[in-house]
PDB file of N, CA and C in Angstrom:
ATOM      1  N   UNK A   1     -36.629 -22.303  43.662  1.00  0.00           N
ATOM      2  CA  UNK A   1     -35.280 -21.413  45.247  1.00  0.00           C
ATOM      3  C   UNK A   1     -35.968 -21.881  46.415  1.00  0.00           C
ATOM      4  N   UNK A   2     -36.558 -22.786  46.644  1.00  0.00           N
ATOM      5  CA  UNK A   2     -36.722 -23.252  48.541  1.00  0.00           C
ATOM      6  C   UNK A   2     -35.652 -23.960  48.057  1.00  0.00           C
ATOM      7  N   UNK A   3     -34.694 -25.158  46.959  1.00  0.00           N
ATOM      8  CA  UNK A   3     -33.503 -25.948  47.397  1.00  0.00           C
ATOM      9  C   UNK A   3     -32.418 -24.750  47.287  1.00  0.00           C
ATOM     10  N   UNK A   4     -32.622 -23.664  46.324  1.00  0.00           N
ATOM     11  CA  UNK A   4     -30.673 -22.188  46.981  1.00  0.00           C
ATOM     12  C   UNK A   4     -31.512 -22.098  48.102  1.00  0.00           C
ATOM     13  N   UNK A   5     -32.507 -21.422  48.559  1.00  0.00           N
ATOM     14  CA  UNK A   5     -32.661 -21.475  50.776  1.00  0.00           C
ATOM     15  C   UNK A   5     -32.097 -22.156  51.057  1.00  0.00           C
ATOM     16  N   UNK A   6     -32.566 -23.657  51.089  1.00  0.00           N
ATOM     17  CA  UNK A   6     -31.663 -24.915  51.193  1.00  0.00           C
ATOM     18  C   UNK A   6     -30.189 -25.116  52.096  1.00  0.00           C
ATOM     19  N   UNK A   7     -29.906 -24.950  50.629  1.00  0.00           N
ATOM     20  CA  UNK A   7     -28.639 -25.426  50.196  1.00  0.00           C
ATOM     21  C   UNK A   7     -27.860 -24.788  50.102  1.00  0.00           C
ATOM     22  N   UNK A   8     -28.067 -22.959  50.154  1.00  0.00           N
ATOM     23  CA  UNK A   8     -27.401 -22.198  49.888  1.00  0.00           C
ATOM     24  C   UNK A   8     -26.576 -22.253  48.299  1.00  0.00           C
ATOM     25  N   UNK A   9     -27.041 -22.750  47.773  1.00  0.00           N
ATOM     26  CA  UNK A   9     -26.717 -22.905  45.847  1.00  0.00           C
ATOM     27  C   UNK A   9     -27.384 -23.043  45.094  1.00  0.00           C
ATOM     28  N   UNK A  10     -26.590 -23.022  43.886  1.00  0.00           N
ATOM     29  CA  UNK A  10     -27.572 -23.511  42.709  1.00  0.00           C
ATOM     30  C   UNK A  10     -28.400 -22.227  41.675  1.00  0.00           C
ATOM     31  N   UNK A  11     -28.064 -22.872  40.170  1.00  0.00           N
ATOM     32  CA  UNK A  11     -29.120 -21.704  39.980  1.00  0.00           C
ATOM     33  C   UNK A  11     -27.669 -20.267  39.052  1.00  0.00           C
ATOM     34  N   UNK A  12     -28.173 -19.785  37.737  1.00  0.00           N
ATOM     35  CA  UNK A  12     -26.567 -18.744  37.564  1.00  0.00           C
ATOM     36  C   UNK A  12     -27.742 -17.603  37.599  1.00  0.00           C
ATOM     37  N   UNK A  13     -27.383 -16.492  37.769  1.00  0.00           N
ATOM     38  CA  UNK A  13     -26.888 -14.952  38.515  1.00  0.00           C
ATOM     39  C   UNK A  13     -28.207 -14.296  37.137  1.00  0.00           C
ATOM     40  N   UNK A  14     -28.759 -15.571  35.687  1.00  0.00           N
ATOM     41  CA  UNK A  14     -29.574 -15.129  34.591  1.00  0.00           C
ATOM     42  C   UNK A  14     -31.356 -15.851  36.032  1.00  0.00           C
ATOM     43  N   UNK A  15     -30.801 -17.010  35.708  1.00  0.00           N
ATOM     44  CA  UNK A  15     -31.782 -17.808  36.697  1.00  0.00           C
ATOM     45  C   UNK A  15     -31.959 -17.199  37.284  1.00  0.00           C
ATOM     46  N   UNK A  16     -31.770 -17.113  38.344  1.00  0.00           N
ATOM     47  CA  UNK A  16     -32.555 -16.981  39.990  1.00  0.00           C
ATOM     48  C   UNK A  16     -32.924 -15.317  39.968  1.00  0.00           C
ATOM     49  N   UNK A  17     -32.689 -14.865  39.180  1.00  0.00           N
ATOM     50  CA  UNK A  17     -33.349 -13.486  39.360  1.00  0.00           C
ATOM     51  C   UNK A  17     -34.769 -13.578  38.178  1.00  0.00           C
ATOM     52  N   UNK A  18     -34.380 -13.848  37.144  1.00  0.00           N
ATOM     53  CA  UNK A  18     -36.311 -14.712  36.502  1.00  0.00           C
ATOM     54  C   UNK A  18     -36.622 -15.755  37.560  1.00  0.00           C
ATOM     55  N   UNK A  19     -36.312 -16.439  37.713  1.00  0.00           N
ATOM     56  CA  UNK A  19     -37.243 -17.309  38.984  1.00  0.00           C
ATOM     57  C   UNK A  19     -37.811 -16.997  40.286  1.00  0.00           C
ATOM     58  N   UNK A  20     -37.059 -15.220  40.729  1.00  0.00           N
ATOM     59  CA  UNK A  20     -37.714 -13.970  41.671  1.00  0.00           C
ATOM     60  C   UNK A  20     -38.874 -12.929  41.470  1.00  0.00           C
ATOM     61  N   UNK A  21     -38.586 -12.787  39.723  1.00  0.00           N
ATOM     62  CA  UNK A  21     -39.038 -12.308  39.035  1.00  0.00           C
ATOM     63  C   UNK A  21     -41.326 -13.029  38.310  1.00  0.00           C
ATOM     64  N   UNK A  22     -40.808 -14.393  38.598  1.00  0.00           N
ATOM     65  CA  UNK A  22     -41.847 -14.925  38.020  1.00  0.00           C
ATOM     66  C   UNK A  22     -43.575 -15.692  39.483  1.00  0.00           C
ATOM     67  N   UNK A  23     -42.381 -15.667  40.760  1.00  0.00           N
ATOM     68  CA  UNK A  23     -41.818 -16.469  41.718  1.00  0.00           C
ATOM     69  C   UNK A  23     -43.672 -15.044  42.178  1.00  0.00           C
ATOM     70  N   UNK A  24     -42.728 -13.766  41.310  1.00  0.00           N
ATOM     71  CA  UNK A  24     -43.374 -12.085  41.987  1.00  0.00           C
ATOM     72  C   UNK A  24     -44.790 -11.973  40.963  1.00  0.00           C
ATOM     73  N   UNK A  25     -45.089 -13.408  40.119  1.00  0.00           N
ATOM     74  CA  UNK A  25     -46.453 -12.337  39.461  1.00  0.00           C
ATOM     75  C   UNK A  25     -45.856 -11.685  38.317  1.00  0.00           C
ATOM     76  N   UNK A  26     -44.461 -11.549  38.598  1.00  0.00           N
ATOM     77  CA  UNK A  26     -43.894 -10.741  37.027  1.00  0.00           C
ATOM     78  C   UNK A  26     -44.034 -12.115  35.729  1.00  0.00           C
ATOM     79  N   UNK A  27     -43.775 -11.160  34.926  1.00  0.00           N
ATOM     80  CA  UNK A  27     -44.338 -11.229  32.928  1.00  0.00           C
ATOM     81  C   UNK A  27     -42.707 -11.666  32.425  1.00  0.00           C
ATOM     82  N   UNK A  28     -43.037 -12.501  31.449  1.00  0.00           N
ATOM     83  CA  UNK A  28     -41.471 -12.114  30.595  1.00  0.00           C
ATOM     84  C   UNK A  28     -42.567 -12.239  29.493  1.00  0.00           C
ATOM     85  N   UNK A  29     -41.655 -11.319  28.405  1.00  0.00           N
ATOM     86  CA  UNK A  29     -41.275 -12.615  27.622  1.00  0.00           C
ATOM     87  C   UNK A  29     -41.503 -12.988  26.516  1.00  0.00           C
ATOM     88  N   UNK A  30     -41.809 -13.193  25.413  1.00  0.00           N
ATOM     89  CA  UNK A  30     -42.118 -14.988  24.416  1.00  0.00           C
ATOM     90  C   UNK A  30     -40.498 -15.700  24.288  1.00  0.00           C
ATOM     91  N   UNK A  31     -39.868 -14.796  24.023  1.00  0.00           N
ATOM     92  CA  UNK A  31     -38.164 -14.736  23.160  1.00  0.00           C
ATOM     93  C   UNK A  31     -37.459 -15.258  25.234  1.00  0.00           C
ATOM     94  N   UNK A  32     -37.757 -15.079  26.145  1.00  0.00           N
ATOM     95  CA  UNK A  32     -37.307 -15.383  27.618  1.00  0.00           C
ATOM     96  C   UNK A  32     -37.575 -16.862  27.827  1.00  0.00           C
ATOM     97  N   UNK A  33     -39.416 -16.314  27.807  1.00  0.00           N
ATOM     98  CA  UNK A  33     -40.398 -18.144  27.772  1.00  0.00           C
ATOM     99  C   UNK A  33     -39.769 -19.216  26.818  1.00  0.00           C
ATOM    100  N   UNK A  34     -39.199 -19.383  25.286  1.00  0.00           N
ATOM    101  CA  UNK A  34     -38.658 -19.798  24.789  1.00  0.00           C
ATOM    102  C   UNK A  34     -36.822 -20.510  25.055  1.00  0.00           C
ATOM    103  N   UNK A  35     -36.445 -19.884  25.433  1.00  0.00           N
ATOM    104  CA  UNK A  35     -35.372 -19.276  26.410  1.00  0.00           C
ATOM    105  C   UNK A  35     -35.232 -21.249  27.614  1.00  0.00           C
ATOM    106  N   UNK A  36     -36.354 -20.522  28.253  1.00  0.00           N
ATOM    107  CA  UNK A  36     -37.037 -21.285  29.184  1.00  0.00           C
ATOM    108  C   UNK A  36     -37.012 -22.866  28.762  1.00  0.00           C
ATOM    109  N   UNK A  37     -38.140 -23.038  28.217  1.00  0.00           N
ATOM    110  CA  UNK A  37     -38.578 -23.446  27.537  1.00  0.00           C
ATOM    111  C   UNK A  37     -37.622 -25.251  27.563  1.00  0.00           C
ATOM    112  N   UNK A  38     -37.004 -24.132  26.909  1.00  0.00           N
ATOM    113  CA  UNK A  38     -35.637 -24.771  25.739  1.00  0.00           C
ATOM    114  C   UNK A  38     -34.391 -25.375  26.865  1.00  0.00           C
ATOM    115  N   UNK A  39     -34.981 -25.465  28.087  1.00  0.00           N
ATOM    116  CA  UNK A  39     -33.964 -25.281  28.992  1.00  0.00           C
ATOM    117  C   UNK A  39     -33.661 -26.940  29.842  1.00  0.00           C
ATOM    118  N   UNK A  40     -35.077 -27.278  29.953  1.00  0.00           N
ATOM    119  CA  UNK A  40     -35.558 -28.855  29.815  1.00  0.00           C
ATOM    120  C   UNK A  40     -35.172 -29.686  29.235  1.00  0.00           C
ATOM    121  N   UNK A  41     -35.011 -29.754  28.123  1.00  0.00           N
ATOM    122  CA  UNK A  41     -35.144 -31.326  27.767  1.00  0.00           C
ATOM    123  C   UNK A  41     -33.372 -31.500  27.089  1.00  0.00           C
ATOM    124  N   UNK A  42     -31.848 -30.319  27.396  1.00  0.00           N
ATOM    125  CA  UNK A  42     -31.474 -30.355  27.452  1.00  0.00           C
ATOM    126  C   UNK A  42     -30.852 -30.541  28.319  1.00  0.00           C
ATOM    127  N   UNK A  43     -31.266 -30.229  29.690  1.00  0.00           N
ATOM    128  CA  UNK A  43     -30.201 -31.189  30.895  1.00  0.00           C
ATOM    129  C   UNK A  43     -31.273 -32.510  31.310  1.00  0.00           C
ATOM    130  N   UNK A  44     -32.023 -32.996  31.396  1.00  0.00           N
ATOM    131  CA  UNK A  44     -32.775 -33.918  31.238  1.00  0.00           C
ATOM    132  C   UNK A  44     -32.392 -35.848  31.666  1.00  0.00           C
ATOM    133  N   UNK A  45     -30.786 -35.078  31.200  1.00  0.00           N
ATOM    134  CA  UNK A  45     -29.932 -36.497  30.799  1.00  0.00           C
ATOM    135  C   UNK A  45     -29.757 -36.417  32.388  1.00  0.00           C
ATOM    136  N   UNK A  46     -30.377 -35.135  33.526  1.00  0.00           N
ATOM    137  CA  UNK A  46     -28.996 -35.300  34.224  1.00  0.00           C
ATOM    138  C   UNK A  46     -29.977 -36.980  35.545  1.00  0.00           C
ATOM    139  N   UNK A  47     -31.284 -36.852  34.752  1.00  0.00           N
ATOM    140  CA  UNK A  47     -32.432 -37.475  35.743  1.00  0.00           C
ATOM    141  C   UNK A  47     -31.729 -39.250  36.020  1.00  0.00           C
ATOM    142  N   UNK A  48     -30.907 -39.232  35.608  1.00  0.00           N
ATOM    143  CA  UNK A  48     -29.706 -40.716  35.486  1.00  0.00           C
ATOM    144  C   UNK A  48     -29.054 -40.318  36.638  1.00  0.00           C
ATOM    145  N   UNK A  49     -28.765 -39.745  37.210  1.00  0.00           N
ATOM    146  CA  UNK A  49     -27.879 -39.578  38.470  1.00  0.00           C
ATOM    147  C   UNK A  49     -28.129 -39.314  39.916  1.00  0.00           C
ATOM    148  N   UNK A  50     -27.681 -40.561  40.474  1.00  0.00           N
ATOM    149  CA  UNK A  50     -27.855 -40.347  41.786  1.00  0.00           C
ATOM    150  C   UNK A  50     -28.070 -39.151  42.172  1.00  0.00           C
ATOM    151  N   UNK A  51     -28.782 -39.070  43.104  1.00  0.00           N
ATOM    152  CA  UNK A  51     -29.106 -37.622  44.230  1.00  0.00           C
ATOM    153  C   UNK A  51     -30.400 -36.996  43.653  1.00  0.00           C
ATOM    154  N   UNK A  52     -30.566 -36.818  42.573  1.00  0.00           N
ATOM    155  CA  UNK A  52     -31.917 -36.478  41.813  1.00  0.00           C
ATOM    156  C   UNK A  52     -33.497 -36.212  42.290  1.00  0.00           C
ATOM    157  N   UNK A  53     -33.475 -36.870  42.228  1.00  0.00           N
ATOM    158  CA  UNK A  53     -34.853 -37.531  43.524  1.00  0.00           C
ATOM    159  C   UNK A  53     -34.934 -37.552  44.668  1.00  0.00           C
ATOM    160  N   UNK A  54     -35.444 -36.662  44.942  1.00  0.00           N
ATOM    161  CA  UNK A  54     -35.904 -36.947  46.724  1.00  0.00           C
ATOM    162  C   UNK A  54     -35.778 -38.965  47.137  1.00  0.00           C
ATOM    163  N   UNK A  55     -35.103 -38.948  48.330  1.00  0.00           N
ATOM    164  CA  UNK A  55     -35.761 -40.292  48.631  1.00  0.00           C
ATOM    165  C   UNK A  55     -33.797 -40.939  48.354  1.00  0.00           C
ATOM    166  N   UNK A  56     -32.580 -40.211  47.846  1.00  0.00           N
ATOM    167  CA  UNK A  56     -32.218 -41.137  46.736  1.00  0.00           C
ATOM    168  C   UNK A  56     -30.344 -40.442  47.628  1.00  0.00           C
ATOM    169  N   UNK A  57     -29.715 -41.535  48.370  1.00  0.00           N
ATOM    170  CA  UNK A  57     -28.181 -40.660  48.495  1.00  0.00           C
ATOM    171  C   UNK A  57     -28.162 -39.187  47.467  1.00  0.00           C
ATOM    172  N   UNK A  58     -27.230 -37.961  48.639  1.00  0.00           N
ATOM    173  CA  UNK A  58     -26.661 -37.382  48.242  1.00  0.00           C
ATOM    174  C   UNK A  58     -27.920 -36.430  46.888  1.00  0.00           C
ATOM    175  N   UNK A  59     -28.914 -36.975  47.282  1.00  0.00           N
ATOM    176  CA  UNK A  59     -30.185 -35.435  47.319  1.00  0.00           C
ATOM    177  C   UNK A  59     -30.625 -34.475  48.482  1.00  0.00           C
ATOM    178  N   UNK A  60     -30.608 -32.651  47.759  1.00  0.00           N
ATOM    179  CA  UNK A  60     -30.702 -32.701  46.247  1.00  0.00           C
ATOM    180  C   UNK A  60     -29.154 -32.426  45.620  1.00  0.00           C
ATOM    181  N   UNK A  61     -29.284 -33.393  44.266  1.00  0.00           N
ATOM    182  CA  UNK A  61     -27.619 -33.576  44.018  1.00  0.00           C
ATOM    183  C   UNK A  61     -27.890 -32.504  42.698  1.00  0.00           C
ATOM    184  N   UNK A  62     -26.535 -31.757  42.780  1.00  0.00           N
ATOM    185  CA  UNK A  62     -25.454 -30.998  41.608  1.00  0.00           C
ATOM    186  C   UNK A  62     -26.686 -30.021  40.645  1.00  0.00           C
ATOM    187  N   UNK A  63     -26.964 -31.692  39.858  1.00  0.00           N
ATOM    188  CA  UNK A  63     -28.266 -31.776  39.020  1.00  0.00           C
ATOM    189  C   UNK A  63     -29.068 -30.953  38.828  1.00  0.00           C
ATOM    190  N   UNK A  64     -29.785 -31.737  40.362  1.00  0.00           N
ATOM    191  CA  UNK A  64     -30.950 -31.430  40.942  1.00  0.00           C
ATOM    192  C   UNK A  64     -31.464 -29.718  41.161  1.00  0.00           C
ATOM    193  N   UNK A  65     -29.963 -28.341  41.364  1.00  0.00           N
ATOM    194  CA  UNK A  65     -30.025 -28.154  41.826  1.00  0.00           C
ATOM    195  C   UNK A  65     -29.336 -26.550  40.188  1.00  0.00           C
ATOM    196  N   UNK A  66     -28.833 -27.381  39.383  1.00  0.00           N
ATOM    197  CA  UNK A  66     -28.981 -26.587  38.133  1.00  0.00           C
ATOM    198  C   UNK A  66     -29.322 -25.721  37.350  1.00  0.00           C
TER     199      UNK A  66
END
């Protein structure tokens, strides 16, 4: 949410809504939790792109904001 505020981009409508809910201490069900958990391994390859890590040129890249 910090990146989105600073960069004015990143995330899907559903992802942003879920992030806001969790940031406010809201709860999600097991199905939604599994959906979120499945996201990370599917997008692990983004880490190889320049700008993914702080200090690299182009940080934060679109990969870090998705």
